Amino acid sequence: MYTITKNKITNEDQSVYLLYTKKGKKVEIDKVYVSEEKRGQHLASDLMEFAYEYFTHQKYELIGICSYANAWLIKKEGNK
């Protein structure tokens, strides 16, 4: 379960979050963070998938500003 606020998507205990900026019909993903104790569980990828589905459903274009988001989007959009 994720919570969406003005510039952040986070899980219940806030150990995983994504920071974003809306610019018109574009969403820039500035940072994807997973706390050290939660790493290696594919949580960043799950969060990116959630954000991707959420924003593209609303007709936003996603842009990866941080290196993780950029690489994830390249892989995802290459597999369409």
PDB file of N, CA and C in Angstrom:
ATOM      1  N   MET A   1       0.847  -1.188   0.000  1.00  0.00           N
ATOM      2  CA  MET A   1       0.000   0.000   0.000  1.00  0.00           C
ATOM      3  C   MET A   1       0.885   1.242   0.000  1.00  0.00           C
ATOM      4  N   TYR A   2       0.589   2.154  -0.887  1.00  0.00           N
ATOM      5  CA  TYR A   2       1.361   3.388  -1.004  1.00  0.00           C
ATOM      6  C   TYR A   2       0.477   4.597  -0.732  1.00  0.00           C
ATOM      7  N   THR A   3       1.100   5.641  -0.231  1.00  0.00           N
ATOM      8  CA  THR A   3       0.435   6.918  -0.002  1.00  0.00           C
ATOM      9  C   THR A   3       1.027   7.928  -0.975  1.00  0.00           C
ATOM     10  N   ILE A   4       0.167   8.674  -1.635  1.00  0.00           N
ATOM     11  CA  ILE A   4       0.602   9.675  -2.598  1.00  0.00           C
ATOM     12  C   ILE A   4       0.298  11.051  -2.033  1.00  0.00           C
ATOM     13  N   THR A   5       1.330  11.894  -1.957  1.00  0.00           N
ATOM     14  CA  THR A   5       1.149  13.286  -1.555  1.00  0.00           C
ATOM     15  C   THR A   5       1.611  14.171  -2.712  1.00  0.00           C
ATOM     16  N   LYS A   6       1.705  15.447  -2.466  1.00  0.00           N
ATOM     17  CA  LYS A   6       2.004  16.404  -3.534  1.00  0.00           C
ATOM     18  C   LYS A   6       3.275  16.057  -4.311  1.00  0.00           C
ATOM     19  N   ASN A   7       4.343  15.679  -3.657  1.00  0.00           N
ATOM     20  CA  ASN A   7       5.611  15.406  -4.336  1.00  0.00           C
ATOM     21  C   ASN A   7       6.261  14.101  -3.892  1.00  0.00           C
ATOM     22  N   LYS A   8       5.489  13.201  -3.281  1.00  0.00           N
ATOM     23  CA  LYS A   8       6.096  11.992  -2.722  1.00  0.00           C
ATOM     24  C   LYS A   8       5.113  10.827  -2.755  1.00  0.00           C
ATOM     25  N   ILE A   9       5.650   9.644  -3.044  1.00  0.00           N
ATOM     26  CA  ILE A   9       4.905   8.396  -2.901  1.00  0.00           C
ATOM     27  C   ILE A   9       5.710   7.564  -1.905  1.00  0.00           C
ATOM     28  N   THR A  10       5.044   7.034  -0.901  1.00  0.00           N
ATOM     29  CA  THR A  10       5.752   6.282   0.133  1.00  0.00           C
ATOM     30  C   THR A  10       4.940   5.077   0.592  1.00  0.00           C
ATOM     31  N   ASN A  11       5.636   4.115   1.196  1.00  0.00           N
ATOM     32  CA  ASN A  11       4.941   2.967   1.777  1.00  0.00           C
ATOM     33  C   ASN A  11       4.522   3.316   3.204  1.00  0.00           C
ATOM     34  N   GLU A  12       3.890   2.369   3.878  1.00  0.00           N
ATOM     35  CA  GLU A  12       3.306   2.630   5.202  1.00  0.00           C
ATOM     36  C   GLU A  12       4.321   3.092   6.244  1.00  0.00           C
ATOM     37  N   ASP A  13       5.485   2.452   6.303  1.00  0.00           N
ATOM     38  CA  ASP A  13       6.470   2.841   7.325  1.00  0.00           C
ATOM     39  C   ASP A  13       7.518   3.836   6.805  1.00  0.00           C
ATOM     40  N   GLN A  14       7.313   4.320   5.599  1.00  0.00           N
ATOM     41  CA  GLN A  14       8.170   5.314   4.954  1.00  0.00           C
ATOM     42  C   GLN A  14       9.617   4.849   4.777  1.00  0.00           C
ATOM     43  N   SER A  15       9.811   3.526   4.721  1.00  0.00           N
ATOM     44  CA  SER A  15      11.150   2.994   4.470  1.00  0.00           C
ATOM     45  C   SER A  15      11.463   2.948   2.980  1.00  0.00           C
ATOM     46  N   VAL A  16      10.440   3.170   2.165  1.00  0.00           N
ATOM     47  CA  VAL A  16      10.580   3.215   0.709  1.00  0.00           C
ATOM     48  C   VAL A  16       9.818   4.445   0.240  1.00  0.00           C
ATOM     49  N   TYR A  17      10.482   5.285  -0.574  1.00  0.00           N
ATOM     50  CA  TYR A  17       9.759   6.433  -1.107  1.00  0.00           C
ATOM     51  C   TYR A  17      10.320   6.882  -2.438  1.00  0.00           C
ATOM     52  N   LEU A  18       9.498   7.650  -3.136  1.00  0.00           N
ATOM     53  CA  LEU A  18       9.835   8.212  -4.435  1.00  0.00           C
ATOM     54  C   LEU A  18       9.476   9.685  -4.383  1.00  0.00           C
ATOM     55  N   LEU A  19      10.411  10.539  -4.743  1.00  0.00           N
ATOM     56  CA  LEU A  19      10.165  11.974  -4.813  1.00  0.00           C
ATOM     57  C   LEU A  19       9.994  12.368  -6.274  1.00  0.00           C
ATOM     58  N   TYR A  20       9.002  13.184  -6.551  1.00  0.00           N
ATOM     59  CA  TYR A  20       8.746  13.587  -7.934  1.00  0.00           C
ATOM     60  C   TYR A  20       8.335  15.046  -8.016  1.00  0.00           C
ATOM     61  N   THR A  21       8.448  15.588  -9.230  1.00  0.00           N
ATOM     62  CA  THR A  21       8.047  16.955  -9.519  1.00  0.00           C
ATOM     63  C   THR A  21       7.182  16.937 -10.772  1.00  0.00           C
ATOM     64  N   LYS A  22       6.006  17.530 -10.695  1.00  0.00           N
ATOM     65  CA  LYS A  22       5.139  17.652 -11.867  1.00  0.00           C
ATOM     66  C   LYS A  22       5.472  18.947 -12.585  1.00  0.00           C
ATOM     67  N   LYS A  23       5.619  18.846 -13.897  1.00  0.00           N
ATOM     68  CA  LYS A  23       5.851  20.007 -14.756  1.00  0.00           C
ATOM     69  C   LYS A  23       4.952  19.858 -15.973  1.00  0.00           C
ATOM     70  N   GLY A  24       3.799  20.503 -15.914  1.00  0.00           N
ATOM     71  CA  GLY A  24       2.827  20.337 -16.991  1.00  0.00           C
ATOM     72  C   GLY A  24       2.328  18.904 -17.003  1.00  0.00           C
ATOM     73  N   LYS A  25       2.446  18.239 -18.153  1.00  0.00           N
ATOM     74  CA  LYS A  25       2.030  16.844 -18.287  1.00  0.00           C
ATOM     75  C   LYS A  25       3.217  15.892 -18.175  1.00  0.00           C
ATOM     76  N   LYS A  26       4.284  16.361 -17.540  1.00  0.00           N
ATOM     77  CA  LYS A  26       5.456  15.527 -17.298  1.00  0.00           C
ATOM     78  C   LYS A  26       5.666  15.374 -15.800  1.00  0.00           C
ATOM     79  N   VAL A  27       6.142  14.202 -15.412  1.00  0.00           N
ATOM     80  CA  VAL A  27       6.496  13.940 -14.023  1.00  0.00           C
ATOM     81  C   VAL A  27       7.963  13.540 -14.002  1.00  0.00           C
ATOM     82  N   GLU A  28       8.757  14.327 -13.304  1.00  0.00           N
ATOM     83  CA  GLU A  28      10.170  14.022 -13.152  1.00  0.00           C
ATOM     84  C   GLU A  28      10.365  13.240 -11.857  1.00  0.00           C
ATOM     85  N   ILE A  29      10.960  12.070 -11.961  1.00  0.00           N
ATOM     86  CA  ILE A  29      11.234  11.265 -10.775  1.00  0.00           C
ATOM     87  C   ILE A  29      12.629  11.636 -10.300  1.00  0.00           C
ATOM     88  N   ASP A  30      12.660  12.362  -9.186  1.00  0.00           N
ATOM     89  CA  ASP A  30      13.896  12.939  -8.668  1.00  0.00           C
ATOM     90  C   ASP A  30      14.710  11.958  -7.831  1.00  0.00           C
ATOM     91  N   LYS A  31      14.034  11.079  -7.097  1.00  0.00           N
ATOM     92  CA  LYS A  31      14.747  10.176  -6.205  1.00  0.00           C
ATOM     93  C   LYS A  31      13.874   8.975  -5.873  1.00  0.00           C
ATOM     94  N   VAL A  32      14.506   7.803  -5.835  1.00  0.00           N
ATOM     95  CA  VAL A  32      13.869   6.586  -5.353  1.00  0.00           C
ATOM     96  C   VAL A  32      14.753   6.082  -4.221  1.00  0.00           C
ATOM     97  N   TYR A  33      14.148   5.874  -3.042  1.00  0.00           N
ATOM     98  CA  TYR A  33      14.929   5.500  -1.864  1.00  0.00           C
ATOM     99  C   TYR A  33      14.338   4.256  -1.205  1.00  0.00           C
ATOM    100  N   VAL A  34      15.224   3.350  -0.814  1.00  0.00           N
ATOM    101  CA  VAL A  34      14.852   2.181  -0.014  1.00  0.00           C
ATOM    102  C   VAL A  34      15.819   2.140   1.159  1.00  0.00           C
ATOM    103  N   SER A  35      15.277   2.049   2.377  1.00  0.00           N
ATOM    104  CA  SER A  35      16.132   2.009   3.560  1.00  0.00           C
ATOM    105  C   SER A  35      17.040   0.777   3.500  1.00  0.00           C
ATOM    106  N   GLU A  36      18.168   0.869   4.151  1.00  0.00           N
ATOM    107  CA  GLU A  36      19.179  -0.185   4.084  1.00  0.00           C
ATOM    108  C   GLU A  36      18.634  -1.557   4.483  1.00  0.00           C
ATOM    109  N   GLU A  37      17.825  -1.600   5.532  1.00  0.00           N
ATOM    110  CA  GLU A  37      17.319  -2.892   5.998  1.00  0.00           C
ATOM    111  C   GLU A  37      16.284  -3.513   5.063  1.00  0.00           C
ATOM    112  N   LYS A  38      15.738  -2.736   4.133  1.00  0.00           N
ATOM    113  CA  LYS A  38      14.723  -3.250   3.208  1.00  0.00           C
ATOM    114  C   LYS A  38      15.276  -3.525   1.805  1.00  0.00           C
ATOM    115  N   ARG A  39      16.543  -3.238   1.578  1.00  0.00           N
ATOM    116  CA  ARG A  39      17.123  -3.411   0.243  1.00  0.00           C
ATOM    117  C   ARG A  39      17.204  -4.877  -0.141  1.00  0.00           C
ATOM    118  N   GLY A  40      17.211  -5.125  -1.447  1.00  0.00           N
ATOM    119  CA  GLY A  40      17.306  -6.478  -1.974  1.00  0.00           C
ATOM    120  C   GLY A  40      15.979  -7.210  -2.059  1.00  0.00           C
ATOM    121  N   GLN A  41      14.874  -6.506  -1.849  1.00  0.00           N
ATOM    122  CA  GLN A  41      13.547  -7.125  -1.869  1.00  0.00           C
ATOM    123  C   GLN A  41      12.711  -6.652  -3.059  1.00  0.00           C
ATOM    124  N   HIS A  42      13.342  -5.979  -4.014  1.00  0.00           N
ATOM    125  CA  HIS A  42      12.687  -5.462  -5.222  1.00  0.00           C
ATOM    126  C   HIS A  42      11.653  -4.373  -4.912  1.00  0.00           C
ATOM    127  N   LEU A  43      11.795  -3.711  -3.776  1.00  0.00           N
ATOM    128  CA  LEU A  43      10.819  -2.695  -3.377  1.00  0.00           C
ATOM    129  C   LEU A  43      10.911  -1.441  -4.238  1.00  0.00           C
ATOM    130  N   ALA A  44      12.106  -1.070  -4.663  1.00  0.00           N
ATOM    131  CA  ALA A  44      12.255   0.100  -5.534  1.00  0.00           C
ATOM    132  C   ALA A  44      11.563  -0.157  -6.869  1.00  0.00           C
ATOM    133  N   SER A  45      11.743  -1.334  -7.404  1.00  0.00           N
ATOM    134  CA  SER A  45      11.094  -1.691  -8.665  1.00  0.00           C
ATOM    135  C   SER A  45       9.574  -1.722  -8.514  1.00  0.00           C
ATOM    136  N   ASP A  46       9.095  -2.265  -7.411  1.00  0.00           N
ATOM    137  CA  ASP A  46       7.647  -2.293  -7.152  1.00  0.00           C
ATOM    138  C   ASP A  46       7.088  -0.876  -7.070  1.00  0.00           C
ATOM    139  N   LEU A  47       7.816   0.002  -6.401  1.00  0.00           N
ATOM    140  CA  LEU A  47       7.383   1.394  -6.268  1.00  0.00           C
ATOM    141  C   LEU A  47       7.381   2.089  -7.623  1.00  0.00           C
ATOM    142  N   MET A  48       8.407   1.855  -8.418  1.00  0.00           N
ATOM    143  CA  MET A  48       8.458   2.436  -9.765  1.00  0.00           C
ATOM    144  C   MET A  48       7.299   1.929 -10.617  1.00  0.00           C
ATOM    145  N   GLU A  49       6.987   0.655 -10.518  1.00  0.00           N
ATOM    146  CA  GLU A  49       5.864   0.097 -11.280  1.00  0.00           C
ATOM    147  C   GLU A  49       4.555   0.768 -10.869  1.00  0.00           C
ATOM    148  N   PHE A  50       4.373   0.958  -9.564  1.00  0.00           N
ATOM    149  CA  PHE A  50       3.177   1.638  -9.074  1.00  0.00           C
ATOM    150  C   PHE A  50       3.105   3.064  -9.629  1.00  0.00           C
ATOM    151  N   ALA A  51       4.203   3.806  -9.527  1.00  0.00           N
ATOM    152  CA  ALA A  51       4.242   5.189 -10.018  1.00  0.00           C
ATOM    153  C   ALA A  51       3.995   5.239 -11.522  1.00  0.00           C
ATOM    154  N   TYR A  52       4.601   4.321 -12.244  1.00  0.00           N
ATOM    155  CA  TYR A  52       4.431   4.274 -13.694  1.00  0.00           C
ATOM    156  C   TYR A  52       2.963   4.076 -14.061  1.00  0.00           C
ATOM    157  N   GLU A  53       2.337   3.101 -13.456  1.00  0.00           N
ATOM    158  CA  GLU A  53       0.927   2.830 -13.749  1.00  0.00           C
ATOM    159  C   GLU A  53       0.039   4.012 -13.332  1.00  0.00           C
ATOM    160  N   TYR A  54       0.311   4.563 -12.173  1.00  0.00           N
ATOM    161  CA  TYR A  54      -0.485   5.671 -11.652  1.00  0.00           C
ATOM    162  C   TYR A  54      -0.413   6.887 -12.573  1.00  0.00           C
ATOM    163  N   PHE A  55       0.788   7.304 -12.939  1.00  0.00           N
ATOM    164  CA  PHE A  55       0.951   8.514 -13.735  1.00  0.00           C
ATOM    165  C   PHE A  55       0.616   8.314 -15.208  1.00  0.00           C
ATOM    166  N   THR A  56       0.993   7.193 -15.790  1.00  0.00           N
ATOM    167  CA  THR A  56       0.669   7.002 -17.203  1.00  0.00           C
ATOM    168  C   THR A  56      -0.839   6.835 -17.408  1.00  0.00           C
ATOM    169  N   HIS A  57      -1.516   6.286 -16.421  1.00  0.00           N
ATOM    170  CA  HIS A  57      -2.978   6.193 -16.500  1.00  0.00           C
ATOM    171  C   HIS A  57      -3.607   7.586 -16.590  1.00  0.00           C
ATOM    172  N   GLN A  58      -2.956   8.572 -15.983  1.00  0.00           N
ATOM    173  CA  GLN A  58      -3.430   9.958 -16.016  1.00  0.00           C
ATOM    174  C   GLN A  58      -2.817  10.738 -17.179  1.00  0.00           C
ATOM    175  N   LYS A  59      -2.154  10.032 -18.086  1.00  0.00           N
ATOM    176  CA  LYS A  59      -1.568  10.610 -19.314  1.00  0.00           C
ATOM    177  C   LYS A  59      -0.358  11.502 -19.060  1.00  0.00           C
ATOM    178  N   TYR A  60       0.386  11.244 -17.986  1.00  0.00           N
ATOM    179  CA  TYR A  60       1.645  11.952 -17.747  1.00  0.00           C
ATOM    180  C   TYR A  60       2.793  11.194 -18.410  1.00  0.00           C
ATOM    181  N   GLU A  61       3.790  11.935 -18.842  1.00  0.00           N
ATOM    182  CA  GLU A  61       5.032  11.350 -19.325  1.00  0.00           C
ATOM    183  C   GLU A  61       5.999  11.317 -18.152  1.00  0.00           C
ATOM    184  N   LEU A  62       6.644  10.189 -17.919  1.00  0.00           N
ATOM    185  CA  LEU A  62       7.605  10.076 -16.822  1.00  0.00           C
ATOM    186  C   LEU A  62       9.019  10.295 -17.332  1.00  0.00           C
ATOM    187  N   ILE A  63       9.789  11.030 -16.554  1.00  0.00           N
ATOM    188  CA  ILE A  63      11.186  11.303 -16.861  1.00  0.00           C
ATOM    189  C   ILE A  63      12.005  10.926 -15.640  1.00  0.00           C
ATOM    190  N   GLY A  64      12.990  10.085 -15.834  1.00  0.00           N
ATOM    191  CA  GLY A  64      13.860   9.674 -14.738  1.00  0.00           C
ATOM    192  C   GLY A  64      15.000  10.652 -14.554  1.00  0.00           C
ATOM    193  N   ILE A  65      14.979  11.390 -13.479  1.00  0.00           N
ATOM    194  CA  ILE A  65      16.064  12.315 -13.150  1.00  0.00           C
ATOM    195  C   ILE A  65      17.163  11.555 -12.406  1.00  0.00           C
ATOM    196  N   CYS A  66      16.788  10.771 -11.411  1.00  0.00           N
ATOM    197  CA  CYS A  66      17.804   9.975 -10.716  1.00  0.00           C
ATOM    198  C   CYS A  66      18.196   8.794 -11.604  1.00  0.00           C
ATOM    199  N   SER A  67      19.378   8.279 -11.386  1.00  0.00           N
ATOM    200  CA  SER A  67      19.897   7.217 -12.258  1.00  0.00           C
ATOM    201  C   SER A  67      19.047   5.951 -12.191  1.00  0.00           C
ATOM    202  N   TYR A  68      18.547   5.594 -11.009  1.00  0.00           N
ATOM    203  CA  TYR A  68      17.727   4.384 -10.895  1.00  0.00           C
ATOM    204  C   TYR A  68      16.444   4.525 -11.710  1.00  0.00           C
ATOM    205  N   ALA A  69      15.737   5.634 -11.527  1.00  0.00           N
ATOM    206  CA  ALA A  69      14.482   5.840 -12.253  1.00  0.00           C
ATOM    207  C   ALA A  69      14.719   5.883 -13.754  1.00  0.00           C
ATOM    208  N   ASN A  70      15.778   6.530 -14.179  1.00  0.00           N
ATOM    209  CA  ASN A  70      16.095   6.616 -15.594  1.00  0.00           C
ATOM    210  C   ASN A  70      16.329   5.220 -16.178  1.00  0.00           C
ATOM    211  N   ALA A  71      17.149   4.412 -15.518  1.00  0.00           N
ATOM    212  CA  ALA A  71      17.435   3.058 -15.999  1.00  0.00           C
ATOM    213  C   ALA A  71      16.169   2.203 -15.988  1.00  0.00           C
ATOM    214  N   TRP A  72      15.349   2.331 -14.955  1.00  0.00           N
ATOM    215  CA  TRP A  72      14.119   1.550 -14.853  1.00  0.00           C
ATOM    216  C   TRP A  72      13.176   1.897 -16.001  1.00  0.00           C
ATOM    217  N   LEU A  73      13.030   3.197 -16.274  1.00  0.00           N
ATOM    218  CA  LEU A  73      12.130   3.626 -17.351  1.00  0.00           C
ATOM    219  C   LEU A  73      12.625   3.169 -18.716  1.00  0.00           C
ATOM    220  N   ILE A  74      13.919   3.226 -18.947  1.00  0.00           N
ATOM    221  CA  ILE A  74      14.478   2.752 -20.217  1.00  0.00           C
ATOM    222  C   ILE A  74      14.150   1.275 -20.397  1.00  0.00           C
ATOM    223  N   LYS A  75      14.345   0.496 -19.358  1.00  0.00           N
ATOM    224  CA  LYS A  75      14.057  -0.943 -19.423  1.00  0.00           C
ATOM    225  C   LYS A  75      12.562  -1.186 -19.635  1.00  0.00           C
ATOM    226  N   LYS A  76      11.730  -0.491 -18.894  1.00  0.00           N
ATOM    227  CA  LYS A  76      10.271  -0.675 -18.981  1.00  0.00           C
ATOM    228  C   LYS A  76       9.753  -0.289 -20.358  1.00  0.00           C
ATOM    229  N   GLU A  77      10.161   0.861 -20.834  1.00  0.00           N
ATOM    230  CA  GLU A  77       9.621   1.343 -22.108  1.00  0.00           C
ATOM    231  C   GLU A  77      10.225   0.597 -23.288  1.00  0.00           C
ATOM    232  N   GLY A  78      11.363  -0.033 -23.096  1.00  0.00           N
ATOM    233  CA  GLY A  78      11.948  -0.866 -24.134  1.00  0.00           C
ATOM    234  C   GLY A  78      11.223  -2.191 -24.268  1.00  0.00           C
ATOM    235  N   ASN A  79      10.452  -2.548 -23.220  1.00  0.00           N
ATOM    236  CA  ASN A  79       9.734  -3.823 -23.206  1.00  0.00           C
ATOM    237  C   ASN A  79       8.255  -3.676 -23.529  1.00  0.00           C
ATOM    238  N   LYS A  80       7.839  -2.536 -24.047  1.00  0.00           N
ATOM    239  CA  LYS A  80       6.424  -2.324 -24.360  1.00  0.00           C
ATOM    240  C   LYS A  80       5.959  -3.236 -25.470  1.00  0.00           C
TER     241      LYS A  80
END
